[in-house]
């Protein structure tokens, strides 16, 4: 993901700590969080629910969250790219 975003000219920070949430995979600008979930760590019910709790908390704090699966990133990149570039074009990366 980092390489693909860099190829598009999109600057990211990785593993950024957000108070009350923990680390997020990627932060674009000051407000667009991108999470990429591998199947290994995100299939059990508890982890699934925790991811949604984190997304809701991020929203309360003023972040926009885009969550993709590892498979989406590598097999459906055009859809992922379109979602990310649309979010940036809308201004979702800034608060």
Protein backbone atom coordinates (compact mmCIF):
# COMPACT_ATOMS: atom_id res chain seq x y z
CA UNK A 1 0.00 0.00 0.00
CA UNK A 2 2.74 2.45 0.93
CA UNK A 3 4.54 1.88 -2.39
CA UNK A 4 1.33 2.16 -4.42
CA UNK A 5 0.33 5.40 -2.72
CA UNK A 6 3.82 6.82 -3.20
CA UNK A 7 3.62 5.99 -6.92
CA UNK A 8 0.45 8.13 -7.03
CA UNK A 9 2.25 10.99 -5.28
CA UNK A 10 0.23 10.53 -2.08
CA UNK A 11 2.32 11.14 1.02
CA UNK A 12 1.51 8.97 4.01
CA UNK A 13 2.71 8.41 7.53
CA UNK A 14 2.60 4.85 8.82
CA UNK A 15 1.75 3.43 12.22
CA UNK A 16 0.65 6.80 13.59
CA UNK A 17 -0.47 6.75 17.21
CA UNK A 18 -3.92 8.25 17.80
CA UNK A 19 -4.81 8.89 21.44
CA UNK A 20 -7.67 6.68 22.59
CA UNK A 21 -7.45 4.47 19.50
CA UNK A 22 -3.92 3.15 19.10
CA UNK A 23 -1.84 2.98 15.94
CA UNK A 24 -3.40 3.34 12.52
CA UNK A 25 -1.85 1.78 9.43
CA UNK A 26 -1.65 4.92 7.26
CA UNK A 27 -2.48 8.58 7.74
CA UNK A 28 -2.90 10.83 4.72
CA UNK A 29 -2.79 14.51 5.59
CA UNK A 30 -4.20 15.15 9.03
CA UNK A 31 -7.46 13.26 8.86
CA UNK A 32 -7.65 10.37 6.35
CA UNK A 33 -6.91 7.01 7.96
CA UNK A 34 -6.37 3.98 5.75
CA UNK A 35 -6.43 0.56 7.37
CA UNK A 36 -5.41 -2.60 5.54
CA UNK A 37 -6.58 -5.83 7.13
CA UNK A 38 -5.03 -9.21 6.53
CA UNK A 39 -7.28 -12.21 7.00
CA UNK A 40 -4.99 -13.78 9.59
CA UNK A 41 -5.60 -11.13 12.27
CA UNK A 42 -9.04 -9.80 11.43
CA UNK A 43 -11.39 -12.75 11.04
CA UNK A 44 -12.35 -13.59 14.60
CA UNK A 45 -15.47 -11.90 15.96
CA UNK A 46 -13.67 -10.02 18.73
CA UNK A 47 -11.15 -8.44 16.36
CA UNK A 48 -13.90 -7.64 13.86
CA UNK A 49 -15.87 -5.78 16.56
CA UNK A 50 -12.74 -4.01 17.84
CA UNK A 51 -11.99 -2.71 14.34
CA UNK A 52 -15.49 -1.18 14.15
CA UNK A 53 -15.11 0.34 17.62
CA UNK A 54 -11.82 1.93 16.51
CA UNK A 55 -13.44 3.26 13.32
CA UNK A 56 -16.26 4.84 15.33
CA UNK A 57 -13.80 6.41 17.78
CA UNK A 58 -11.72 7.78 14.91
CA UNK A 59 -14.86 9.32 13.43
CA UNK A 60 -15.68 11.02 16.74
CA UNK A 61 -12.16 12.47 16.73
CA UNK A 62 -12.63 13.92 13.24
CA UNK A 63 -10.94 11.28 11.11
CA UNK A 64 -12.30 9.67 7.93
CA UNK A 65 -11.54 5.94 7.81
CA UNK A 66 -11.14 3.80 4.72
CA UNK A 67 -10.70 0.09 5.51
CA UNK A 68 -9.56 -2.39 2.88
CA UNK A 69 -8.61 -6.04 2.90
CA UNK A 70 -5.16 -7.13 1.83
CA UNK A 71 -6.85 -8.94 -1.05
CA UNK A 72 -8.61 -5.77 -2.23
CA UNK A 73 -5.30 -3.91 -2.32
CA UNK A 74 -3.57 -6.55 -4.42
CA UNK A 75 -6.41 -7.90 -6.57
CA UNK A 76 -8.70 -4.88 -6.96
CA UNK A 77 -6.27 -1.99 -6.80
CA UNK A 78 -8.24 0.16 -9.26
CA UNK A 79 -11.24 0.20 -6.88
CA UNK A 80 -9.07 0.93 -3.85
CA UNK A 81 -7.22 3.68 -5.72
CA UNK A 82 -10.52 5.24 -6.82
CA UNK A 83 -11.85 5.30 -3.24
CA UNK A 84 -8.67 6.88 -1.89
CA UNK A 85 -8.32 9.50 -4.61
CA UNK A 86 -12.02 10.40 -4.30
CA UNK A 87 -11.64 10.85 -0.53
CA UNK A 88 -8.65 13.12 -1.05
CA UNK A 89 -10.44 15.10 -3.77
CA UNK A 90 -13.38 15.63 -1.36
CA UNK A 91 -11.03 17.03 1.25
CA UNK A 92 -11.25 14.06 3.62
CA UNK A 93 -7.50 14.23 4.33
CA UNK A 94 -7.80 17.54 6.18
CA UNK A 95 -9.81 18.63 9.19
